[in-house]
Amino acid sequence: MADAAIIIDGTRPDRAIDAHAGQLAFSVDVSGRPASVSVSHVGVNAADALARLVARLADEVAALNVTRVAPWTQFPSPFQLVTMSLSAPGAHLTVPDRATAECYMTFPPPWTLANAREFLHTTVAAFVRERPLPTMPVLVFDRFSAEPVASSSSNLGSCLVTAAGAQGLGPVAIGPSTGTSDMRHFADAGIPCLLYGPGSGFNPHRHDEHYRLEDLGRMVKVFVATAQSLCGCV
């Protein structure tokens, strides 16, 4: 078993990550009732209902941010719900009777996946009580999911901070992230782990994502010095 791990993944030289928020990808399926668009009042528009439902879910999740606790208070919204796509392929000139949304939620501890799923079910049920639908919307949780994770990495962090300082990259703040990574696998195995590197980055997950090449030489020296320190070679 490894003594420690560093995931070289998109952080700035002045920041390392030792914890992640929980992650939950899911879909929402809404059924309505078809009708001609000229007499839409006799139908139930699934597309309209779904749009209102995902907006309601996003608002309810965002409202949870008033409950966040340290160290997650450093983020304005560790509780997030993002609508990734909406689809309602109905027949021509017909009120759509089926609509589906793909969504993604993040949540900080002490929340768990069970808490998040229950919250979504409860919010959907409340929505339907206020706006009756022919059938209850269906939440499908067969996509990516991960519990919140934190790594026990104090010794690794101390070695990294010292090595970064020696290369003029310090001080390095170590804290949580609302993202996710393979850290959860190392934490499950009891292996201390941090995310750090590869240098100053820009536009993550957007057009023209890049890092400064001039940082790479110093970053490699940081990684080598951190490993040497952990192994007692310095």
C-alpha atoms as a PDB file:
ATOM      1  CA  MET A   1       0.000   0.000   0.000  1.00  0.00           C
ATOM      2  CA  ALA A   2       1.205   3.514  -0.809  1.00  0.00           C
ATOM      3  CA  ASP A   3       2.300   5.827   1.995  1.00  0.00           C
ATOM      4  CA  ALA A   4       0.706   8.877   0.336  1.00  0.00           C
ATOM      5  CA  ALA A   5      -0.595  10.216  -2.965  1.00  0.00           C
ATOM      6  CA  ILE A   6      -0.673  13.564  -4.740  1.00  0.00           C
ATOM      7  CA  ILE A   7      -3.153  13.977  -7.587  1.00  0.00           C
ATOM      8  CA  ILE A   8      -1.727  16.482 -10.057  1.00  0.00           C
ATOM      9  CA  ASP A   9      -4.972  18.147 -10.914  1.00  0.00           C
ATOM     10  CA  GLY A  10      -6.018  21.710 -11.610  1.00  0.00           C
ATOM     11  CA  THR A  11      -5.178  23.685  -8.468  1.00  0.00           C
ATOM     12  CA  ARG A  12      -3.209  26.891  -8.177  1.00  0.00           C
ATOM     13  CA  PRO A  13       0.339  26.832  -6.770  1.00  0.00           C
ATOM     14  CA  ASP A  14      -0.973  28.482  -3.596  1.00  0.00           C
ATOM     15  CA  ARG A  15      -3.728  25.937  -2.917  1.00  0.00           C
ATOM     16  CA  ALA A  16      -4.007  22.202  -2.221  1.00  0.00           C
ATOM     17  CA  ILE A  17      -7.202  20.215  -1.746  1.00  0.00           C
ATOM     18  CA  ASP A  18      -7.803  17.675   1.034  1.00  0.00           C
ATOM     19  CA  ALA A  19     -11.607  17.197   0.845  1.00  0.00           C
ATOM     20  CA  HIS A  20     -14.458  17.075  -1.657  1.00  0.00           C
ATOM     21  CA  ALA A  21     -18.161  17.759  -1.492  1.00  0.00           C
ATOM     22  CA  GLY A  22     -20.615  14.987  -2.299  1.00  0.00           C
ATOM     23  CA  GLN A  23     -21.668  14.581  -5.928  1.00  0.00           C
ATOM     24  CA  LEU A  24     -24.951  13.331  -7.404  1.00  0.00           C
ATOM     25  CA  ALA A  25     -25.900  13.136 -11.083  1.00  0.00           C
ATOM     26  CA  PHE A  26     -29.514  12.207 -11.782  1.00  0.00           C
ATOM     27  CA  SER A  27     -32.405  12.555 -14.203  1.00  0.00           C
ATOM     28  CA  VAL A  28     -35.994  13.715 -13.703  1.00  0.00           C
ATOM     29  CA  ASP A  29     -38.789  12.334 -15.907  1.00  0.00           C
ATOM     30  CA  VAL A  30     -42.156  14.106 -16.017  1.00  0.00           C
ATOM     31  CA  SER A  31     -45.276  12.762 -17.712  1.00  0.00           C
ATOM     32  CA  GLY A  32     -48.104  15.041 -18.848  1.00  0.00           C
ATOM     33  CA  ARG A  33     -51.150  14.663 -21.066  1.00  0.00           C
ATOM     34  CA  PRO A  34     -51.099  15.376 -24.811  1.00  0.00           C
ATOM     35  CA  ALA A  35     -53.477  17.814 -26.473  1.00  0.00           C
ATOM     36  CA  SER A  36     -53.548  20.035 -29.508  1.00  0.00           C
ATOM     37  CA  VAL A  37     -51.674  23.290 -28.931  1.00  0.00           C
ATOM     38  CA  SER A  38     -54.886  25.077 -29.968  1.00  0.00           C
ATOM     39  CA  VAL A  39     -56.637  23.643 -26.901  1.00  0.00           C
ATOM     40  CA  SER A  40     -53.648  23.242 -24.611  1.00  0.00           C
ATOM     41  CA  HIS A  41     -55.807  23.711 -21.531  1.00  0.00           C
ATOM     42  CA  VAL A  42     -57.183  20.173 -21.875  1.00  0.00           C
ATOM     43  CA  GLY A  43     -53.696  18.709 -21.732  1.00  0.00           C
ATOM     44  CA  VAL A  44     -50.838  18.822 -19.239  1.00  0.00           C
ATOM     45  CA  ASN A  45     -47.638  20.255 -20.637  1.00  0.00           C
ATOM     46  CA  ALA A  46     -44.795  18.039 -19.387  1.00  0.00           C
ATOM     47  CA  ALA A  47     -42.152  20.446 -20.682  1.00  0.00           C
ATOM     48  CA  ASP A  48     -43.633  23.377 -18.796  1.00  0.00           C
ATOM     49  CA  ALA A  49     -44.015  21.326 -15.604  1.00  0.00           C
ATOM     50  CA  LEU A  50     -40.457  20.015 -15.800  1.00  0.00           C
ATOM     51  CA  ALA A  51     -38.995  23.488 -16.337  1.00  0.00           C
ATOM     52  CA  ARG A  52     -40.814  24.715 -13.246  1.00  0.00           C
ATOM     53  CA  LEU A  53     -39.780  21.639 -11.278  1.00  0.00           C
ATOM     54  CA  VAL A  54     -36.047  21.879 -11.969  1.00  0.00           C
ATOM     55  CA  ALA A  55     -36.157  25.594 -11.169  1.00  0.00           C
ATOM     56  CA  ARG A  56     -37.848  24.707  -7.876  1.00  0.00           C
ATOM     57  CA  LEU A  57     -35.206  22.067  -7.133  1.00  0.00           C
ATOM     58  CA  ALA A  58     -32.401  24.528  -7.856  1.00  0.00           C
ATOM     59  CA  ASP A  59     -33.935  27.166  -5.590  1.00  0.00           C
ATOM     60  CA  GLU A  60     -34.536  24.712  -2.742  1.00  0.00           C
ATOM     61  CA  VAL A  61     -30.985  23.367  -2.926  1.00  0.00           C
ATOM     62  CA  ALA A  62     -29.513  26.883  -3.074  1.00  0.00           C
ATOM     63  CA  ALA A  63     -31.486  27.795   0.063  1.00  0.00           C
ATOM     64  CA  LEU A  64     -29.586  25.077   1.949  1.00  0.00           C
ATOM     65  CA  ASN A  65     -26.408  27.159   1.786  1.00  0.00           C
ATOM     66  CA  VAL A  66     -27.456  29.086   4.878  1.00  0.00           C
ATOM     67  CA  THR A  67     -26.820  25.840   6.801  1.00  0.00           C
ATOM     68  CA  ARG A  68     -23.246  25.284   5.588  1.00  0.00           C
ATOM     69  CA  VAL A  69     -20.588  24.922   8.265  1.00  0.00           C
ATOM     70  CA  ALA A  70     -16.818  25.466   8.340  1.00  0.00           C
ATOM     71  CA  PRO A  71     -14.686  24.893   6.378  1.00  0.00           C
ATOM     72  CA  TRP A  72     -17.395  24.989   3.705  1.00  0.00           C
ATOM     73  CA  THR A  73     -18.342  28.541   4.650  1.00  0.00           C
ATOM     74  CA  GLN A  74     -15.426  29.695   2.469  1.00  0.00           C
ATOM     75  CA  PHE A  75     -17.666  28.908  -0.527  1.00  0.00           C
ATOM     76  CA  PRO A  76     -20.867  30.865  -1.213  1.00  0.00           C
ATOM     77  CA  SER A  77     -22.702  27.797  -2.510  1.00  0.00           C
ATOM     78  CA  PRO A  78     -21.338  24.320  -1.761  1.00  0.00           C
ATOM     79  CA  PHE A  79     -24.968  23.193  -2.115  1.00  0.00           C
ATOM     80  CA  GLN A  80     -25.590  23.415  -5.856  1.00  0.00           C
ATOM     81  CA  LEU A  81     -28.052  22.000  -8.349  1.00  0.00           C
ATOM     82  CA  VAL A  82     -27.292  22.487 -12.033  1.00  0.00           C
ATOM     83  CA  THR A  83     -29.672  21.637 -14.862  1.00  0.00           C
ATOM     84  CA  MET A  84     -27.473  20.078 -17.553  1.00  0.00           C
ATOM     85  CA  SER A  85     -30.150  19.461 -20.196  1.00  0.00           C
ATOM     86  CA  LEU A  86     -33.895  19.579 -20.837  1.00  0.00           C
ATOM     87  CA  SER A  87     -35.668  17.474 -23.454  1.00  0.00           C
ATOM     88  CA  ALA A  88     -39.340  17.263 -24.492  1.00  0.00           C
ATOM     89  CA  PRO A  89     -39.581  15.771 -27.993  1.00  0.00           C
ATOM     90  CA  GLY A  90     -43.336  15.926 -28.500  1.00  0.00           C
ATOM     91  CA  ALA A  91     -45.375  15.461 -31.656  1.00  0.00           C
ATOM     92  CA  HIS A  92     -45.871  18.415 -34.036  1.00  0.00           C
ATOM     93  CA  LEU A  93     -48.379  20.976 -32.726  1.00  0.00           C
ATOM     94  CA  THR A  94     -49.081  18.802 -29.717  1.00  0.00           C
ATOM     95  CA  VAL A  95     -48.598  19.609 -26.044  1.00  0.00           C
ATOM     96  CA  PRO A  96     -45.602  17.463 -25.007  1.00  0.00           C
ATOM     97  CA  ASP A  97     -46.579  14.609 -22.711  1.00  0.00           C
ATOM     98  CA  ARG A  98     -43.049  13.559 -21.718  1.00  0.00           C
ATOM     99  CA  ALA A  99     -40.041  15.604 -20.621  1.00  0.00           C
ATOM    100  CA  THR A 100     -36.676  14.700 -19.131  1.00  0.00           C
ATOM    101  CA  ALA A 101     -33.946  16.724 -17.436  1.00  0.00           C
ATOM    102  CA  GLU A 102     -30.386  15.792 -16.566  1.00  0.00           C
ATOM    103  CA  CYS A 103     -29.177  17.431 -13.342  1.00  0.00           C
ATOM    104  CA  TYR A 104     -26.118  17.528 -11.110  1.00  0.00           C
ATOM    105  CA  MET A 105     -26.047  18.281  -7.383  1.00  0.00           C
ATOM    106  CA  THR A 106     -23.197  18.943  -4.967  1.00  0.00           C
ATOM    107  CA  PHE A 107     -23.505  18.931  -1.193  1.00  0.00           C
ATOM    108  CA  PRO A 108     -21.035  19.351   1.685  1.00  0.00           C
ATOM    109  CA  PRO A 109     -20.821  17.196   4.809  1.00  0.00           C
ATOM    110  CA  PRO A 110     -22.464  16.304   7.083  1.00  0.00           C
ATOM    111  CA  TRP A 111     -24.900  15.584   4.233  1.00  0.00           C
ATOM    112  CA  THR A 112     -24.672  12.160   2.606  1.00  0.00           C
ATOM    113  CA  LEU A 113     -25.994  10.709  -0.644  1.00  0.00           C
ATOM    114  CA  ALA A 114     -28.962   9.351   1.297  1.00  0.00           C
ATOM    115  CA  ASN A 115     -29.757  12.856   2.591  1.00  0.00           C
ATOM    116  CA  ALA A 116     -29.502  14.358  -0.891  1.00  0.00           C
ATOM    117  CA  ARG A 117     -31.745  11.749  -2.518  1.00  0.00           C
ATOM    118  CA  GLU A 118     -34.341  12.028   0.235  1.00  0.00           C
ATOM    119  CA  PHE A 119     -34.336  15.829  -0.074  1.00  0.00           C
ATOM    120  CA  LEU A 120     -34.937  15.617  -3.827  1.00  0.00           C
ATOM    121  CA  HIS A 121     -37.783  13.130  -3.390  1.00  0.00           C
ATOM    122  CA  THR A 122     -39.400  15.314  -0.711  1.00  0.00           C
ATOM    123  CA  THR A 123     -39.116  18.463  -2.829  1.00  0.00           C
ATOM    124  CA  VAL A 124     -40.624  16.723  -5.875  1.00  0.00           C
ATOM    125  CA  ALA A 125     -43.530  15.437  -3.766  1.00  0.00           C
ATOM    126  CA  ALA A 126     -44.218  18.943  -2.427  1.00  0.00           C
ATOM    127  CA  PHE A 127     -44.171  20.334  -5.979  1.00  0.00           C
ATOM    128  CA  VAL A 128     -46.750  17.775  -7.134  1.00  0.00           C
ATOM    129  CA  ARG A 129     -49.043  18.572  -4.211  1.00  0.00           C
ATOM    130  CA  GLU A 130     -49.072  22.194  -5.359  1.00  0.00           C
ATOM    131  CA  ARG A 131     -49.232  21.438  -9.090  1.00  0.00           C
ATOM    132  CA  PRO A 132     -50.978  18.106  -9.724  1.00  0.00           C
ATOM    133  CA  LEU A 133     -49.603  15.925 -12.517  1.00  0.00           C
ATOM    134  CA  PRO A 134     -51.039  12.735 -14.037  1.00  0.00           C
ATOM    135  CA  THR A 135     -48.251  10.711 -12.427  1.00  0.00           C
ATOM    136  CA  MET A 136     -45.457  11.380  -9.948  1.00  0.00           C
ATOM    137  CA  PRO A 137     -42.201  12.550 -11.604  1.00  0.00           C
ATOM    138  CA  VAL A 138     -39.523   9.871 -11.587  1.00  0.00           C
ATOM    139  CA  LEU A 139     -36.045  10.523 -10.195  1.00  0.00           C
ATOM    140  CA  VAL A 140     -33.396   8.188 -11.619  1.00  0.00           C
ATOM    141  CA  PHE A 141     -30.137   7.845  -9.670  1.00  0.00           C
ATOM    142  CA  ASP A 142     -28.203   5.522 -11.982  1.00  0.00           C
ATOM    143  CA  ARG A 143     -25.467   8.013 -12.881  1.00  0.00           C
ATOM    144  CA  PHE A 144     -22.270   9.147 -11.177  1.00  0.00           C
ATOM    145  CA  SER A 145     -22.443   9.666  -7.430  1.00  0.00           C
ATOM    146  CA  ALA A 146     -19.903  10.058  -4.637  1.00  0.00           C
ATOM    147  CA  GLU A 147     -20.099  10.668  -0.914  1.00  0.00           C
ATOM    148  CA  PRO A 148     -18.262  13.666   0.582  1.00  0.00           C
ATOM    149  CA  VAL A 149     -14.661  12.696   1.251  1.00  0.00           C
ATOM    150  CA  ALA A 150     -11.799  14.028   3.379  1.00  0.00           C
ATOM    151  CA  SER A 151      -8.234  12.788   3.461  1.00  0.00           C
ATOM    152  CA  SER A 152      -6.127  12.504   6.601  1.00  0.00           C
ATOM    153  CA  SER A 153      -3.092  14.248   5.201  1.00  0.00           C
ATOM    154  CA  SER A 154      -1.482  16.460   7.863  1.00  0.00           C
ATOM    155  CA  ASN A 155       2.031  15.022   7.448  1.00  0.00           C
ATOM    156  CA  LEU A 156       1.755  15.039   3.649  1.00  0.00           C
ATOM    157  CA  GLY A 157       0.451  18.596   3.778  1.00  0.00           C
ATOM    158  CA  SER A 158       3.348  19.770   5.959  1.00  0.00           C
ATOM    159  CA  CYS A 159       5.880  18.236   3.561  1.00  0.00           C
ATOM    160  CA  LEU A 160       4.140  19.794   0.554  1.00  0.00           C
ATOM    161  CA  VAL A 161       3.910  23.251   2.123  1.00  0.00           C
ATOM    162  CA  THR A 162       7.629  23.191   2.982  1.00  0.00           C
ATOM    163  CA  ALA A 163       8.616  21.997  -0.494  1.00  0.00           C
ATOM    164  CA  ALA A 164       6.449  24.601  -2.219  1.00  0.00           C
ATOM    165  CA  GLY A 165       7.877  27.345  -0.043  1.00  0.00           C
ATOM    166  CA  ALA A 166      11.407  26.333  -1.012  1.00  0.00           C
ATOM    167  CA  GLN A 167      10.455  26.846  -4.676  1.00  0.00           C
ATOM    168  CA  GLY A 168       8.885  30.229  -4.039  1.00  0.00           C
ATOM    169  CA  LEU A 169       5.348  28.862  -4.540  1.00  0.00           C
ATOM    170  CA  GLY A 170       4.081  29.333  -1.003  1.00  0.00           C
ATOM    171  CA  PRO A 171       2.274  29.880   1.152  1.00  0.00           C
ATOM    172  CA  VAL A 172      -0.026  26.974   0.279  1.00  0.00           C
ATOM    173  CA  ALA A 173      -3.528  26.917   1.768  1.00  0.00           C
ATOM    174  CA  ILE A 174      -4.962  23.431   2.228  1.00  0.00           C
ATOM    175  CA  GLY A 175      -8.723  23.040   2.225  1.00  0.00           C
ATOM    176  CA  PRO A 176     -11.840  21.552   0.607  1.00  0.00           C
ATOM    177  CA  SER A 177     -13.227  21.703  -2.918  1.00  0.00           C
ATOM    178  CA  THR A 178     -16.770  21.426  -4.250  1.00  0.00           C
ATOM    179  CA  GLY A 179     -15.376  19.286  -7.091  1.00  0.00           C
ATOM    180  CA  THR A 180     -14.379  15.646  -7.061  1.00  0.00           C
ATOM    181  CA  SER A 181     -11.472  13.417  -8.033  1.00  0.00           C
ATOM    182  CA  ASP A 182      -9.941   9.989  -7.445  1.00  0.00           C
ATOM    183  CA  MET A 183      -9.085  11.142  -3.912  1.00  0.00           C
ATOM    184  CA  ARG A 184     -12.089   9.169  -2.690  1.00  0.00           C
ATOM    185  CA  HIS A 185     -10.413   5.905  -3.695  1.00  0.00           C
ATOM    186  CA  PHE A 186      -7.216   6.717  -1.802  1.00  0.00           C
ATOM    187  CA  ALA A 187      -9.198   7.863   1.239  1.00  0.00           C
ATOM    188  CA  ASP A 188     -11.188   4.627   1.204  1.00  0.00           C
ATOM    189  CA  ALA A 189      -7.892   2.727   1.254  1.00  0.00           C
ATOM    190  CA  GLY A 190      -6.555   4.823   4.153  1.00  0.00           C
ATOM    191  CA  ILE A 191      -3.893   6.505   1.992  1.00  0.00           C
ATOM    192  CA  PRO A 192      -3.263  10.223   2.728  1.00  0.00           C
ATOM    193  CA  CYS A 193      -3.960  12.209  -0.427  1.00  0.00           C
ATOM    194  CA  LEU A 194      -3.902  15.791  -1.700  1.00  0.00           C
ATOM    195  CA  LEU A 195      -4.694  17.481  -4.999  1.00  0.00           C
ATOM    196  CA  TYR A 196      -1.953  19.879  -6.028  1.00  0.00           C
ATOM    197  CA  GLY A 197      -0.621  21.192  -9.330  1.00  0.00           C
ATOM    198  CA  PRO A 198       0.311  21.338 -12.123  1.00  0.00           C
ATOM    199  CA  GLY A 199       0.686  25.122 -11.834  1.00  0.00           C
ATOM    200  CA  SER A 200      -1.115  28.394 -12.479  1.00  0.00           C
ATOM    201  CA  GLY A 201      -4.227  27.454 -14.450  1.00  0.00           C
ATOM    202  CA  PHE A 202      -6.869  29.390 -16.317  1.00  0.00           C
ATOM    203  CA  ASN A 203     -10.411  28.709 -17.602  1.00  0.00           C
ATOM    204  CA  PRO A 204     -10.910  25.255 -16.039  1.00  0.00           C
ATOM    205  CA  HIS A 205     -13.608  23.254 -17.852  1.00  0.00           C
ATOM    206  CA  ARG A 206     -14.024  26.083 -20.337  1.00  0.00           C
ATOM    207  CA  HIS A 207     -12.650  27.153 -23.705  1.00  0.00           C
ATOM    208  CA  ASP A 208      -8.870  27.580 -23.754  1.00  0.00           C
ATOM    209  CA  GLU A 209      -8.137  25.755 -20.488  1.00  0.00           C
ATOM    210  CA  HIS A 210      -4.395  25.946 -19.954  1.00  0.00           C
ATOM    211  CA  TYR A 211      -1.492  26.090 -17.506  1.00  0.00           C
ATOM    212  CA  ARG A 212       1.752  28.055 -17.494  1.00  0.00           C
ATOM    213  CA  LEU A 213       4.631  25.954 -18.805  1.00  0.00           C
ATOM    214  CA  GLU A 214       7.114  27.983 -16.771  1.00  0.00           C
ATOM    215  CA  ASP A 215       5.527  26.577 -13.597  1.00  0.00           C
ATOM    216  CA  LEU A 216       6.145  22.940 -14.488  1.00  0.00           C
ATOM    217  CA  GLY A 217       9.838  22.802 -13.635  1.00  0.00           C
ATOM    218  CA  ARG A 218       9.227  24.173 -10.157  1.00  0.00           C
ATOM    219  CA  MET A 219       6.213  21.916  -9.646  1.00  0.00           C
ATOM    220  CA  VAL A 220       8.271  18.816 -10.448  1.00  0.00           C
ATOM    221  CA  LYS A 221      10.849  19.918  -7.876  1.00  0.00           C
ATOM    222  CA  VAL A 222       8.043  20.336  -5.320  1.00  0.00           C
ATOM    223  CA  PHE A 223       6.780  16.812  -5.945  1.00  0.00           C
ATOM    224  CA  VAL A 224      10.264  15.312  -5.709  1.00  0.00           C
ATOM    225  CA  ALA A 225      11.088  17.229  -2.531  1.00  0.00           C
ATOM    226  CA  THR A 226       7.751  16.243  -0.975  1.00  0.00           C
ATOM    227  CA  ALA A 227       8.398  12.543  -1.698  1.00  0.00           C
ATOM    228  CA  GLN A 228      11.922  12.799  -0.334  1.00  0.00           C
ATOM    229  CA  SER A 229      10.676  14.431   2.850  1.00  0.00           C
ATOM    230  CA  LEU A 230       7.979  11.801   3.351  1.00  0.00           C
ATOM    231  CA  CYS A 231      10.551   9.046   2.870  1.00  0.00           C
ATOM    232  CA  GLY A 232      13.034  10.657   5.269  1.00  0.00           C
ATOM    233  CA  CYS A 233      15.547  11.272   2.503  1.00  0.00           C
ATOM    234  CA  VAL A 234      16.185  14.912   3.406  1.00  0.00           C
END
